[in-house]
Amino acid sequence: MVNLDELVDISWLLGMETTAESGQRAWVSQAKQQTILKMNEVGARAKSAVAIAVTRSIEMPKPDMVINGPFLVWFEREGLAPSRSSSGHITQEDWRNPGDISKVVPPCGGETVPRGAG
């Protein structure tokens, strides 16, 4: 007698996305498949079920950001302790044209990625 009950890996579907004519995005957020096969000397019976969850998003217009006074800025990096993050208070005296920042060497020997790349 054969008694097979298998969860099939269809995770390759995860993340597949499409865009409706209205511009609304949708993507596969969950995908599962189960196959059952029972067989004996009289015959066989097979069942398979697939469940796919699709998530949709609503695109909200991003508001314009105008900075017209001093502000606080901070940078965090996943995996680093909060004590290793950077912060700063930017005032009008700090504002200037930074020039070409694509060739700035990051601290700690990290790799610089030119703007528009990867």
C-alpha atoms as a PDB file:
ATOM      1  CA  MET A   1       0.000   0.000   0.000  1.00  0.00           C
ATOM      2  CA  VAL A   2       1.248   3.488  -0.882  1.00  0.00           C
ATOM      3  CA  ASN A   3       0.242   6.355   1.390  1.00  0.00           C
ATOM      4  CA  LEU A   4       1.941   9.595   0.228  1.00  0.00           C
ATOM      5  CA  ASP A   5       1.175  12.965   1.852  1.00  0.00           C
ATOM      6  CA  GLU A   6       3.636  15.574   0.608  1.00  0.00           C
ATOM      7  CA  LEU A   7       3.944  19.355   0.917  1.00  0.00           C
ATOM      8  CA  VAL A   8       5.306  20.495  -2.446  1.00  0.00           C
ATOM      9  CA  ASP A   9       7.773  23.424  -2.511  1.00  0.00           C
ATOM     10  CA  ILE A  10       6.316  26.123  -4.748  1.00  0.00           C
ATOM     11  CA  SER A  11       8.135  28.984  -3.027  1.00  0.00           C
ATOM     12  CA  TRP A  12       9.481  30.012  -6.445  1.00  0.00           C
ATOM     13  CA  LEU A  13       6.110  31.755  -6.910  1.00  0.00           C
ATOM     14  CA  LEU A  14       6.722  34.101  -3.966  1.00  0.00           C
ATOM     15  CA  GLY A  15       7.321  37.685  -4.993  1.00  0.00           C
ATOM     16  CA  MET A  16       5.916  37.326  -8.520  1.00  0.00           C
ATOM     17  CA  GLU A  17       4.094  40.537  -9.250  1.00  0.00           C
ATOM     18  CA  THR A  18       1.851  42.233 -11.729  1.00  0.00           C
ATOM     19  CA  THR A  19       0.301  45.653 -12.216  1.00  0.00           C
ATOM     20  CA  ALA A  20      -3.361  46.165 -13.058  1.00  0.00           C
ATOM     21  CA  GLU A  21      -4.486  48.588 -15.761  1.00  0.00           C
ATOM     22  CA  SER A  22      -5.397  50.961 -12.921  1.00  0.00           C
ATOM     23  CA  GLY A  23      -1.757  50.950 -11.798  1.00  0.00           C
ATOM     24  CA  GLN A  24      -2.401  48.952  -8.626  1.00  0.00           C
ATOM     25  CA  ARG A  25       0.408  46.492  -7.825  1.00  0.00           C
ATOM     26  CA  ALA A  26      -0.212  42.916  -6.675  1.00  0.00           C
ATOM     27  CA  TRP A  27       2.240  40.154  -5.739  1.00  0.00           C
ATOM     28  CA  VAL A  28       2.203  36.563  -4.508  1.00  0.00           C
ATOM     29  CA  SER A  29       2.816  36.680  -0.754  1.00  0.00           C
ATOM     30  CA  GLN A  30       2.088  33.026   0.138  1.00  0.00           C
ATOM     31  CA  ALA A  31       2.122  29.827  -1.910  1.00  0.00           C
ATOM     32  CA  LYS A  32       1.488  26.288  -0.634  1.00  0.00           C
ATOM     33  CA  GLN A  33       0.739  22.960  -2.293  1.00  0.00           C
ATOM     34  CA  GLN A  34      -0.151  19.574  -0.819  1.00  0.00           C
ATOM     35  CA  THR A  35      -0.381  16.329  -2.757  1.00  0.00           C
ATOM     36  CA  ILE A  36      -1.901  13.104  -1.406  1.00  0.00           C
ATOM     37  CA  LEU A  37      -1.643   9.749  -3.177  1.00  0.00           C
ATOM     38  CA  LYS A  38      -3.154   6.511  -1.856  1.00  0.00           C
ATOM     39  CA  MET A  39      -2.710   3.318  -3.807  1.00  0.00           C
ATOM     40  CA  ASN A  40      -3.292  -0.401  -3.162  1.00  0.00           C
ATOM     41  CA  GLU A  41      -3.937  -3.563  -5.182  1.00  0.00           C
ATOM     42  CA  VAL A  42      -7.470  -2.368  -6.075  1.00  0.00           C
ATOM     43  CA  GLY A  43      -6.654   1.115  -7.400  1.00  0.00           C
ATOM     44  CA  ALA A  44      -5.331   4.583  -6.699  1.00  0.00           C
ATOM     45  CA  ARG A  45      -6.676   7.895  -5.485  1.00  0.00           C
ATOM     46  CA  ALA A  46      -4.804  11.209  -5.844  1.00  0.00           C
ATOM     47  CA  LYS A  47      -5.620  14.680  -4.520  1.00  0.00           C
ATOM     48  CA  SER A  48      -3.713  17.918  -4.863  1.00  0.00           C
ATOM     49  CA  ALA A  49      -4.518  21.321  -3.431  1.00  0.00           C
ATOM     50  CA  VAL A  50      -2.874  24.692  -4.032  1.00  0.00           C
ATOM     51  CA  ALA A  51      -3.365  27.873  -2.002  1.00  0.00           C
ATOM     52  CA  ILE A  52      -1.961  31.189  -3.199  1.00  0.00           C
ATOM     53  CA  ALA A  53      -2.335  34.501  -1.365  1.00  0.00           C
ATOM     54  CA  VAL A  54      -2.068  37.685  -3.400  1.00  0.00           C
ATOM     55  CA  THR A  55      -1.355  40.999  -1.687  1.00  0.00           C
ATOM     56  CA  ARG A  56      -2.381  44.284  -3.273  1.00  0.00           C
ATOM     57  CA  SER A  57      -1.075  47.726  -2.539  1.00  0.00           C
ATOM     58  CA  ILE A  58      -2.524  51.163  -2.828  1.00  0.00           C
ATOM     59  CA  GLU A  59      -0.093  53.747  -4.106  1.00  0.00           C
ATOM     60  CA  MET A  60      -0.342  56.897  -2.033  1.00  0.00           C
ATOM     61  CA  PRO A  61       1.067  60.095  -3.497  1.00  0.00           C
ATOM     62  CA  LYS A  62       4.198  61.161  -1.660  1.00  0.00           C
ATOM     63  CA  PRO A  63       3.919  64.634  -0.194  1.00  0.00           C
ATOM     64  CA  ASP A  64       6.528  67.225  -1.121  1.00  0.00           C
ATOM     65  CA  MET A  65       9.136  67.653   1.561  1.00  0.00           C
ATOM     66  CA  VAL A  66      10.345  71.169   2.196  1.00  0.00           C
ATOM     67  CA  ILE A  67      13.053  71.708   4.787  1.00  0.00           C
ATOM     68  CA  ASN A  68      13.137  75.357   5.685  1.00  0.00           C
ATOM     69  CA  GLY A  69      14.841  75.262   9.051  1.00  0.00           C
ATOM     70  CA  PRO A  70      17.251  73.301  11.227  1.00  0.00           C
ATOM     71  CA  PHE A  71      16.574  69.557  11.438  1.00  0.00           C
ATOM     72  CA  LEU A  72      17.841  66.391  13.095  1.00  0.00           C
ATOM     73  CA  VAL A  73      19.046  63.477  10.961  1.00  0.00           C
ATOM     74  CA  TRP A  74      20.138  59.971  11.939  1.00  0.00           C
ATOM     75  CA  PHE A  75      21.409  56.914  10.088  1.00  0.00           C
ATOM     76  CA  GLU A  76      20.981  53.328  11.188  1.00  0.00           C
ATOM     77  CA  ARG A  77      22.413  50.148   9.763  1.00  0.00           C
ATOM     78  CA  GLU A  78      20.804  46.762  10.268  1.00  0.00           C
ATOM     79  CA  GLY A  79      22.903  44.524  12.464  1.00  0.00           C
ATOM     80  CA  LEU A  80      24.805  47.318  14.212  1.00  0.00           C
ATOM     81  CA  ALA A  81      24.176  48.384  17.788  1.00  0.00           C
ATOM     82  CA  PRO A  82      22.381  51.744  18.194  1.00  0.00           C
ATOM     83  CA  SER A  83      25.576  53.150  19.686  1.00  0.00           C
ATOM     84  CA  ARG A  84      27.223  52.670  16.257  1.00  0.00           C
ATOM     85  CA  SER A  85      24.609  54.729  14.397  1.00  0.00           C
ATOM     86  CA  SER A  86      25.241  58.323  13.317  1.00  0.00           C
ATOM     87  CA  SER A  87      23.198  61.430  13.933  1.00  0.00           C
ATOM     88  CA  GLY A  88      23.516  65.129  13.381  1.00  0.00           C
ATOM     89  CA  HIS A  89      21.805  68.464  13.882  1.00  0.00           C
ATOM     90  CA  ILE A  90      21.810  70.362  10.587  1.00  0.00           C
ATOM     91  CA  THR A  91      21.525  74.151  10.695  1.00  0.00           C
ATOM     92  CA  GLN A  92      21.602  76.803   7.955  1.00  0.00           C
ATOM     93  CA  GLU A  93      25.345  77.211   8.509  1.00  0.00           C
ATOM     94  CA  ASP A  94      25.752  73.542   7.495  1.00  0.00           C
ATOM     95  CA  TRP A  95      23.849  73.895   4.214  1.00  0.00           C
ATOM     96  CA  ARG A  96      26.031  74.037   1.137  1.00  0.00           C
ATOM     97  CA  ASN A  97      26.419  72.341  -2.229  1.00  0.00           C
ATOM     98  CA  PRO A  98      28.095  68.987  -1.485  1.00  0.00           C
ATOM     99  CA  GLY A  99      29.296  68.599  -5.073  1.00  0.00           C
ATOM    100  CA  ASP A 100      29.736  65.068  -6.460  1.00  0.00           C
ATOM    101  CA  ILE A 101      29.078  62.714  -3.538  1.00  0.00           C
ATOM    102  CA  SER A 102      29.182  59.533  -5.659  1.00  0.00           C
ATOM    103  CA  LYS A 103      32.911  59.143  -4.973  1.00  0.00           C
ATOM    104  CA  VAL A 104      32.765  59.651  -1.206  1.00  0.00           C
ATOM    105  CA  VAL A 105      34.652  56.900   0.622  1.00  0.00           C
ATOM    106  CA  PRO A 106      32.447  55.451   3.354  1.00  0.00           C
ATOM    107  CA  PRO A 107      33.857  54.968   6.846  1.00  0.00           C
ATOM    108  CA  CYS A 108      34.925  51.497   8.036  1.00  0.00           C
ATOM    109  CA  GLY A 109      36.166  50.451   4.603  1.00  0.00           C
ATOM    110  CA  GLY A 110      32.717  49.814   3.102  1.00  0.00           C
ATOM    111  CA  GLU A 111      32.223  49.625  -0.642  1.00  0.00           C
ATOM    112  CA  THR A 112      30.968  52.731  -2.442  1.00  0.00           C
ATOM    113  CA  VAL A 113      28.202  52.154  -4.990  1.00  0.00           C
ATOM    114  CA  PRO A 114      27.929  54.945  -7.584  1.00  0.00           C
ATOM    115  CA  ARG A 115      24.572  56.668  -7.807  1.00  0.00           C
ATOM    116  CA  GLY A 116      22.124  54.886 -10.084  1.00  0.00           C
ATOM    117  CA  ALA A 117      23.947  51.566  -9.756  1.00  0.00           C
ATOM    118  CA  GLY A 118      22.532  48.378  -8.261  1.00  0.00           C
END
